């Protein structure tokens, strides 16, 4: 958690989805949103309320978020 791992983000130029828990010790929502401004492609954030970095026991919610995002890409959103 002490060391940011965001240097590679500026190289991304494609649509990106970030699914993160609101209690992720590796980055608060505001920190992740700030770090991802370096991405040239469209960025979407989805937050899993109360979850930590592992998103453990939230697998169904994560799958739904990803499926919805992918469906939107297919629709040209």
C-alpha atoms as a PDB file:
ATOM      1  CA  UNK A   1       0.000   0.000   0.000  1.00  0.00           C
ATOM      2  CA  UNK A   2       2.909   2.397   0.516  1.00  0.00           C
ATOM      3  CA  UNK A   3       4.104   2.194  -3.100  1.00  0.00           C
ATOM      4  CA  UNK A   4       1.896   3.263  -5.982  1.00  0.00           C
ATOM      5  CA  UNK A   5       1.949   0.936  -8.974  1.00  0.00           C
ATOM      6  CA  UNK A   6       0.581   3.276 -11.617  1.00  0.00           C
ATOM      7  CA  UNK A   7       3.527   4.110 -13.904  1.00  0.00           C
ATOM      8  CA  UNK A   8       2.227   1.845 -16.674  1.00  0.00           C
ATOM      9  CA  UNK A   9      -1.232   3.412 -16.825  1.00  0.00           C
ATOM     10  CA  UNK A  10      -0.241   6.184 -19.232  1.00  0.00           C
ATOM     11  CA  UNK A  11       0.584   3.520 -21.865  1.00  0.00           C
ATOM     12  CA  UNK A  12      -3.022   2.274 -21.955  1.00  0.00           C
ATOM     13  CA  UNK A  13      -5.095   3.514 -24.864  1.00  0.00           C
ATOM     14  CA  UNK A  14      -8.104   1.213 -24.757  1.00  0.00           C
ATOM     15  CA  UNK A  15     -11.310   1.075 -22.735  1.00  0.00           C
ATOM     16  CA  UNK A  16     -10.537   0.120 -19.128  1.00  0.00           C
ATOM     17  CA  UNK A  17     -12.763  -1.106 -16.327  1.00  0.00           C
ATOM     18  CA  UNK A  18     -11.611  -0.849 -12.734  1.00  0.00           C
ATOM     19  CA  UNK A  19     -13.591  -2.807 -10.157  1.00  0.00           C
ATOM     20  CA  UNK A  20     -12.462  -2.110  -6.642  1.00  0.00           C
ATOM     21  CA  UNK A  21     -13.705  -2.355  -3.095  1.00  0.00           C
ATOM     22  CA  UNK A  22     -14.391   0.856  -1.225  1.00  0.00           C
ATOM     23  CA  UNK A  23     -12.153  -0.461   1.580  1.00  0.00           C
ATOM     24  CA  UNK A  24      -9.195  -1.453  -0.620  1.00  0.00           C
ATOM     25  CA  UNK A  25      -5.974  -0.862   1.341  1.00  0.00           C
ATOM     26  CA  UNK A  26      -4.040  -0.475  -1.929  1.00  0.00           C
ATOM     27  CA  UNK A  27      -6.000   2.582  -2.996  1.00  0.00           C
ATOM     28  CA  UNK A  28      -8.997   4.612  -1.958  1.00  0.00           C
ATOM     29  CA  UNK A  29     -11.580   5.390  -4.633  1.00  0.00           C
ATOM     30  CA  UNK A  30     -10.307   8.962  -4.989  1.00  0.00           C
ATOM     31  CA  UNK A  31      -6.704   7.743  -5.351  1.00  0.00           C
ATOM     32  CA  UNK A  32      -7.632   5.240  -8.052  1.00  0.00           C
ATOM     33  CA  UNK A  33      -9.715   7.794  -9.913  1.00  0.00           C
ATOM     34  CA  UNK A  34      -6.816  10.256  -9.843  1.00  0.00           C
ATOM     35  CA  UNK A  35      -4.264   7.667 -10.993  1.00  0.00           C
ATOM     36  CA  UNK A  36      -6.404   6.547 -13.911  1.00  0.00           C
ATOM     37  CA  UNK A  37      -6.657  10.035 -15.388  1.00  0.00           C
ATOM     38  CA  UNK A  38      -3.374   9.171 -17.138  1.00  0.00           C
ATOM     39  CA  UNK A  39      -5.158   6.587 -19.314  1.00  0.00           C
ATOM     40  CA  UNK A  40      -5.888   7.853 -22.819  1.00  0.00           C
ATOM     41  CA  UNK A  41      -8.782   5.467 -23.457  1.00  0.00           C
ATOM     42  CA  UNK A  42     -12.181   5.613 -21.767  1.00  0.00           C
ATOM     43  CA  UNK A  43     -12.093   4.650 -18.095  1.00  0.00           C
ATOM     44  CA  UNK A  44     -14.956   3.235 -16.049  1.00  0.00           C
ATOM     45  CA  UNK A  45     -14.886   2.745 -12.294  1.00  0.00           C
ATOM     46  CA  UNK A  46     -17.223   0.441 -10.436  1.00  0.00           C
ATOM     47  CA  UNK A  47     -17.130   0.282  -6.644  1.00  0.00           C
ATOM     48  CA  UNK A  48     -18.101  -2.657  -4.462  1.00  0.00           C
ATOM     49  CA  UNK A  49     -19.298  -1.101  -1.236  1.00  0.00           C
ATOM     50  CA  UNK A  50     -17.499  -2.346   1.860  1.00  0.00           C
ATOM     51  CA  UNK A  51     -15.219  -4.755  -0.017  1.00  0.00           C
ATOM     52  CA  UNK A  52     -11.446  -4.893   0.368  1.00  0.00           C
ATOM     53  CA  UNK A  53      -8.774  -5.526  -2.283  1.00  0.00           C
ATOM     54  CA  UNK A  54      -9.608  -9.225  -2.606  1.00  0.00           C
ATOM     55  CA  UNK A  55     -13.311  -8.650  -3.359  1.00  0.00           C
ATOM     56  CA  UNK A  56     -13.760 -11.994  -1.585  1.00  0.00           C
ATOM     57  CA  UNK A  57     -17.355 -13.205  -1.347  1.00  0.00           C
ATOM     58  CA  UNK A  58     -18.346 -10.531  -3.883  1.00  0.00           C
ATOM     59  CA  UNK A  59     -17.672 -12.657  -6.955  1.00  0.00           C
ATOM     60  CA  UNK A  60     -21.268 -12.531  -8.229  1.00  0.00           C
ATOM     61  CA  UNK A  61     -21.431  -8.751  -7.883  1.00  0.00           C
ATOM     62  CA  UNK A  62     -18.096  -8.373  -9.688  1.00  0.00           C
ATOM     63  CA  UNK A  63     -19.224 -10.703 -12.484  1.00  0.00           C
ATOM     64  CA  UNK A  64     -22.408  -8.654 -12.926  1.00  0.00           C
ATOM     65  CA  UNK A  65     -20.430  -5.398 -13.089  1.00  0.00           C
ATOM     66  CA  UNK A  66     -18.026  -6.798 -15.668  1.00  0.00           C
ATOM     67  CA  UNK A  67     -20.803  -8.351 -17.764  1.00  0.00           C
ATOM     68  CA  UNK A  68     -22.706  -5.069 -17.785  1.00  0.00           C
ATOM     69  CA  UNK A  69     -19.615  -3.144 -18.828  1.00  0.00           C
ATOM     70  CA  UNK A  70     -18.823  -5.616 -21.608  1.00  0.00           C
ATOM     71  CA  UNK A  71     -22.408  -5.484 -22.853  1.00  0.00           C
ATOM     72  CA  UNK A  72     -22.113  -1.700 -23.041  1.00  0.00           C
ATOM     73  CA  UNK A  73     -18.942  -2.004 -25.124  1.00  0.00           C
ATOM     74  CA  UNK A  74     -20.742  -4.276 -27.547  1.00  0.00           C
ATOM     75  CA  UNK A  75     -23.543  -1.738 -27.850  1.00  0.00           C
ATOM     76  CA  UNK A  76     -21.063   0.963 -28.814  1.00  0.00           C
ATOM     77  CA  UNK A  77     -21.254   2.807 -25.464  1.00  0.00           C
END
